[in-house]
C-alpha cells in the first residue's frame, strides 16, 4: 500500500491564531458529561479522546484531522465539528 503525506504537511503554512485559554460562556467546564466542544489548552487532545472513546474509525479519522487543523489554525470550529461527528455517527 502506498504511503501519502498528510494534507497538513502539504498545505502551505498559515498564521496560527492564538488559542484562547478561556472558555466561552456555556462551554464545558469539567463537571458533568461533555456536551459542547472542548476548550482550553488541551482541547485538541480532548476532542480526539472523545472520538477514540466513540470507537468508529471514521469518527477517529475525522477528529484526527480536526485536531491537526485546530493545532495549525486555532479555529475552534474544527473541534466543534469533530464533537458533532461523535453525536451523529452511531456506535
N, C-alpha and C. Protein backbone atom coordinates (compact mmCIF):
# COMPACT_ATOMS: atom_id res chain seq x y z
N UNK A 1 0.84 -1.17 0.00
CA UNK A 1 0.00 0.00 0.00
C UNK A 1 0.89 1.24 0.00
N UNK A 2 0.54 2.21 -0.81
CA UNK A 2 1.33 3.43 -0.92
C UNK A 2 1.13 4.31 0.31
N UNK A 3 2.16 5.03 0.65
CA UNK A 3 2.09 5.96 1.78
C UNK A 3 2.04 7.38 1.23
N UNK A 4 1.09 8.16 1.69
CA UNK A 4 0.94 9.53 1.23
C UNK A 4 1.18 10.49 2.38
N UNK A 5 1.76 11.66 2.10
CA UNK A 5 1.96 12.63 3.17
C UNK A 5 0.61 13.18 3.63
N UNK A 6 0.55 13.63 4.86
CA UNK A 6 -0.71 14.18 5.37
C UNK A 6 -1.04 15.48 4.64
N UNK A 7 -2.32 15.79 4.63
CA UNK A 7 -2.78 17.04 4.00
C UNK A 7 -2.16 18.24 4.69
N UNK A 8 -2.03 18.17 6.01
CA UNK A 8 -1.45 19.27 6.75
C UNK A 8 -0.01 19.50 6.33
N UNK A 9 0.74 18.42 6.08
CA UNK A 9 2.13 18.55 5.67
C UNK A 9 2.24 19.18 4.28
N UNK A 10 1.22 18.98 3.44
CA UNK A 10 1.25 19.51 2.08
C UNK A 10 0.66 20.92 1.98
N UNK A 11 -0.05 21.36 3.01
CA UNK A 11 -0.70 22.65 2.99
C UNK A 11 0.30 23.74 3.35
N UNK A 12 0.29 24.84 2.60
CA UNK A 12 1.19 25.93 2.96
C UNK A 12 0.92 26.42 4.37
N UNK A 13 1.94 26.82 5.02
CA UNK A 13 1.81 27.29 6.39
C UNK A 13 0.94 28.54 6.44
N UNK A 14 0.02 28.55 7.38
CA UNK A 14 -0.83 29.72 7.58
C UNK A 14 -0.57 30.26 8.97
N UNK A 15 -0.82 31.55 9.17
CA UNK A 15 -0.58 32.10 10.51
C UNK A 15 -1.47 31.41 11.53
N UNK A 16 -0.89 31.11 12.66
CA UNK A 16 -1.66 30.48 13.73
C UNK A 16 -2.35 31.56 14.54
N UNK A 17 -3.62 31.30 14.80
CA UNK A 17 -4.33 32.18 15.71
C UNK A 17 -4.07 31.67 17.11
N UNK A 18 -3.95 32.57 18.03
CA UNK A 18 -3.72 32.15 19.40
C UNK A 18 -4.97 31.47 19.93
N UNK A 19 -4.81 30.27 20.42
CA UNK A 19 -5.93 29.56 21.02
C UNK A 19 -6.26 30.22 22.35
N UNK A 20 -7.52 30.48 22.54
CA UNK A 20 -7.96 31.15 23.75
C UNK A 20 -7.79 30.23 24.94
N UNK A 21 -7.28 30.77 26.02
CA UNK A 21 -7.13 29.96 27.23
C UNK A 21 -8.40 29.98 28.06
N UNK A 22 -9.34 30.87 27.72
CA UNK A 22 -10.60 30.90 28.45
C UNK A 22 -11.69 30.28 27.61
N UNK A 23 -12.64 29.67 28.29
CA UNK A 23 -13.75 29.01 27.60
C UNK A 23 -14.90 29.99 27.40
N UNK A 24 -15.58 29.90 26.24
CA UNK A 24 -16.73 30.77 26.03
C UNK A 24 -17.87 30.39 26.98
N UNK A 25 -18.80 31.32 27.17
CA UNK A 25 -19.95 31.06 28.02
C UNK A 25 -20.68 29.81 27.54
N UNK A 26 -21.02 28.93 28.46
CA UNK A 26 -21.76 27.73 28.11
C UNK A 26 -20.89 26.56 27.69
N UNK A 27 -19.59 26.75 27.62
CA UNK A 27 -18.70 25.65 27.22
C UNK A 27 -18.49 24.70 28.39
N UNK A 28 -17.97 23.55 28.07
CA UNK A 28 -17.72 22.54 29.09
C UNK A 28 -16.75 23.06 30.13
N UNK A 29 -17.10 22.87 31.37
CA UNK A 29 -16.24 23.35 32.46
C UNK A 29 -15.62 22.23 33.26
N UNK A 30 -15.95 20.99 32.96
CA UNK A 30 -15.32 19.88 33.65
C UNK A 30 -16.27 19.10 34.53
N UNK A 31 -17.44 19.63 34.85
CA UNK A 31 -18.39 18.89 35.66
C UNK A 31 -19.50 18.37 34.77
N UNK A 32 -19.88 17.13 34.97
CA UNK A 32 -20.94 16.54 34.17
C UNK A 32 -20.39 16.02 32.86
N UNK A 33 -21.25 15.38 32.07
CA UNK A 33 -20.80 14.82 30.79
C UNK A 33 -20.47 15.93 29.79
N UNK A 34 -19.47 15.71 28.95
CA UNK A 34 -19.12 16.73 27.95
C UNK A 34 -20.24 16.88 26.92
N UNK A 35 -20.72 18.08 26.73
CA UNK A 35 -21.79 18.31 25.78
C UNK A 35 -21.29 19.10 24.57
N UNK A 36 -20.57 20.17 24.82
CA UNK A 36 -20.10 21.02 23.75
C UNK A 36 -18.66 20.72 23.40
N UNK A 37 -18.13 21.51 22.49
CA UNK A 37 -16.73 21.30 22.10
C UNK A 37 -15.79 21.64 23.25
N UNK A 38 -14.68 20.94 23.34
CA UNK A 38 -13.71 21.23 24.40
C UNK A 38 -13.05 22.57 24.15
N UNK A 39 -12.53 23.15 25.21
CA UNK A 39 -11.79 24.41 25.07
C UNK A 39 -10.63 24.39 26.04
N UNK A 40 -9.75 25.32 25.88
CA UNK A 40 -8.60 25.40 26.76
C UNK A 40 -7.37 24.78 26.13
N UNK A 41 -6.31 24.67 26.92
CA UNK A 41 -5.03 24.23 26.36
C UNK A 41 -4.99 22.79 25.87
N UNK A 42 -5.85 21.93 26.37
CA UNK A 42 -5.85 20.52 25.97
C UNK A 42 -7.04 20.19 25.06
N UNK A 43 -7.61 21.17 24.40
CA UNK A 43 -8.84 20.99 23.63
C UNK A 43 -8.71 19.95 22.53
N UNK A 44 -7.65 20.00 21.75
CA UNK A 44 -7.48 19.05 20.64
C UNK A 44 -7.35 17.62 21.16
N UNK A 45 -6.60 17.45 22.24
CA UNK A 45 -6.43 16.12 22.81
C UNK A 45 -7.75 15.58 23.35
N UNK A 46 -8.56 16.45 23.96
CA UNK A 46 -9.85 16.03 24.50
C UNK A 46 -10.81 15.63 23.38
N UNK A 47 -10.84 16.41 22.31
CA UNK A 47 -11.72 16.07 21.17
C UNK A 47 -11.31 14.72 20.58
N UNK A 48 -10.01 14.49 20.45
CA UNK A 48 -9.55 13.21 19.91
C UNK A 48 -9.88 12.06 20.86
N UNK A 49 -9.74 12.29 22.16
CA UNK A 49 -10.06 11.26 23.15
C UNK A 49 -11.54 10.88 23.08
N UNK A 50 -12.41 11.86 22.86
CA UNK A 50 -13.84 11.56 22.71
C UNK A 50 -14.08 10.67 21.49
N UNK A 51 -13.37 10.95 20.42
CA UNK A 51 -13.53 10.14 19.20
C UNK A 51 -13.05 8.71 19.43
N UNK A 52 -11.94 8.55 20.12
CA UNK A 52 -11.43 7.21 20.41
C UNK A 52 -12.42 6.47 21.30
N UNK A 53 -12.99 7.16 22.27
CA UNK A 53 -13.99 6.55 23.14
C UNK A 53 -15.22 6.11 22.34
N UNK A 54 -15.58 6.90 21.33
CA UNK A 54 -16.71 6.55 20.45
C UNK A 54 -16.42 5.24 19.72
N UNK A 55 -15.21 5.12 19.16
CA UNK A 55 -14.77 3.88 18.57
C UNK A 55 -14.91 3.72 17.06
N UNK A 56 -15.71 4.53 16.41
CA UNK A 56 -15.88 4.39 14.96
C UNK A 56 -14.65 4.93 14.24
N UNK A 57 -14.13 4.15 13.29
CA UNK A 57 -12.90 4.55 12.61
C UNK A 57 -13.03 5.86 11.85
N UNK A 58 -14.22 6.16 11.32
CA UNK A 58 -14.42 7.40 10.58
C UNK A 58 -14.44 8.60 11.53
N UNK A 59 -15.05 8.43 12.69
CA UNK A 59 -15.07 9.48 13.71
C UNK A 59 -13.65 9.77 14.17
N UNK A 60 -12.87 8.72 14.37
CA UNK A 60 -11.49 8.89 14.83
C UNK A 60 -10.66 9.63 13.78
N UNK A 61 -10.77 9.25 12.52
CA UNK A 61 -10.01 9.92 11.46
C UNK A 61 -10.44 11.38 11.32
N UNK A 62 -11.75 11.62 11.41
CA UNK A 62 -12.24 12.99 11.32
C UNK A 62 -11.69 13.83 12.48
N UNK A 63 -11.71 13.28 13.68
CA UNK A 63 -11.21 14.01 14.84
C UNK A 63 -9.71 14.25 14.73
N UNK A 64 -8.96 13.29 14.18
CA UNK A 64 -7.53 13.47 13.99
C UNK A 64 -7.25 14.65 13.06
N UNK A 65 -8.00 14.71 11.97
CA UNK A 65 -7.84 15.82 11.03
C UNK A 65 -8.26 17.14 11.67
N UNK A 66 -9.38 17.12 12.41
CA UNK A 66 -9.86 18.33 13.08
C UNK A 66 -8.83 18.83 14.10
N UNK A 67 -8.22 17.90 14.83
CA UNK A 67 -7.21 18.29 15.81
C UNK A 67 -5.99 18.92 15.12
N UNK A 68 -5.59 18.36 13.98
CA UNK A 68 -4.49 18.95 13.21
C UNK A 68 -4.83 20.37 12.77
N UNK A 69 -6.04 20.55 12.28
CA UNK A 69 -6.47 21.87 11.82
C UNK A 69 -6.51 22.85 12.99
N UNK A 70 -7.06 22.41 14.12
CA UNK A 70 -7.12 23.28 15.29
C UNK A 70 -5.72 23.67 15.76
N UNK A 71 -4.82 22.70 15.77
CA UNK A 71 -3.45 22.97 16.20
C UNK A 71 -2.78 23.97 15.26
N UNK A 72 -3.06 23.85 13.97
CA UNK A 72 -2.44 24.73 12.98
C UNK A 72 -3.06 26.11 12.96
N UNK A 73 -4.39 26.20 13.12
CA UNK A 73 -5.08 27.48 12.93
C UNK A 73 -5.66 28.09 14.19
N UNK A 74 -5.92 27.25 15.21
CA UNK A 74 -6.57 27.76 16.41
C UNK A 74 -8.07 27.93 16.26
N UNK A 75 -8.65 27.45 15.15
CA UNK A 75 -10.08 27.62 14.89
C UNK A 75 -10.88 26.57 15.66
N UNK A 76 -11.68 26.99 16.66
CA UNK A 76 -12.43 26.04 17.46
C UNK A 76 -13.56 25.35 16.70
N UNK A 77 -13.93 25.85 15.54
CA UNK A 77 -14.98 25.20 14.74
C UNK A 77 -14.55 23.81 14.31
N UNK A 78 -13.28 23.59 14.12
CA UNK A 78 -12.79 22.26 13.74
C UNK A 78 -13.10 21.25 14.84
N UNK A 79 -12.86 21.63 16.09
CA UNK A 79 -13.14 20.72 17.19
C UNK A 79 -14.63 20.54 17.40
N UNK A 80 -15.39 21.61 17.19
CA UNK A 80 -16.85 21.51 17.31
C UNK A 80 -17.40 20.51 16.29
N UNK A 81 -16.84 20.51 15.09
CA UNK A 81 -17.28 19.56 14.06
C UNK A 81 -16.93 18.13 14.45
N UNK A 82 -15.76 17.94 15.06
CA UNK A 82 -15.37 16.60 15.50
C UNK A 82 -16.30 16.08 16.58
N UNK A 83 -16.65 16.94 17.52
CA UNK A 83 -17.58 16.54 18.58
C UNK A 83 -18.94 16.23 17.99
N UNK A 84 -19.37 17.03 17.03
CA UNK A 84 -20.67 16.79 16.40
C UNK A 84 -20.68 15.44 15.67
N UNK A 85 -19.57 15.07 15.07
CA UNK A 85 -19.47 13.78 14.40
C UNK A 85 -19.69 12.63 15.37
N UNK A 86 -19.19 12.79 16.61
CA UNK A 86 -19.39 11.74 17.61
C UNK A 86 -20.86 11.61 17.99
N UNK A 87 -21.60 12.70 17.84
CA UNK A 87 -23.02 12.69 18.17
C UNK A 87 -23.87 12.15 17.03
N UNK A 88 -23.44 12.37 15.81
CA UNK A 88 -24.25 11.99 14.64
C UNK A 88 -24.03 10.55 14.16
N UNK A 89 -22.82 10.05 14.32
CA UNK A 89 -22.49 8.71 13.81
C UNK A 89 -22.75 7.70 14.92
N UNK A 90 -23.58 6.73 14.61
CA UNK A 90 -23.94 5.71 15.60
C UNK A 90 -22.76 4.82 15.92
N UNK A 91 -22.73 4.34 17.13
CA UNK A 91 -21.66 3.44 17.58
C UNK A 91 -21.90 2.05 17.06
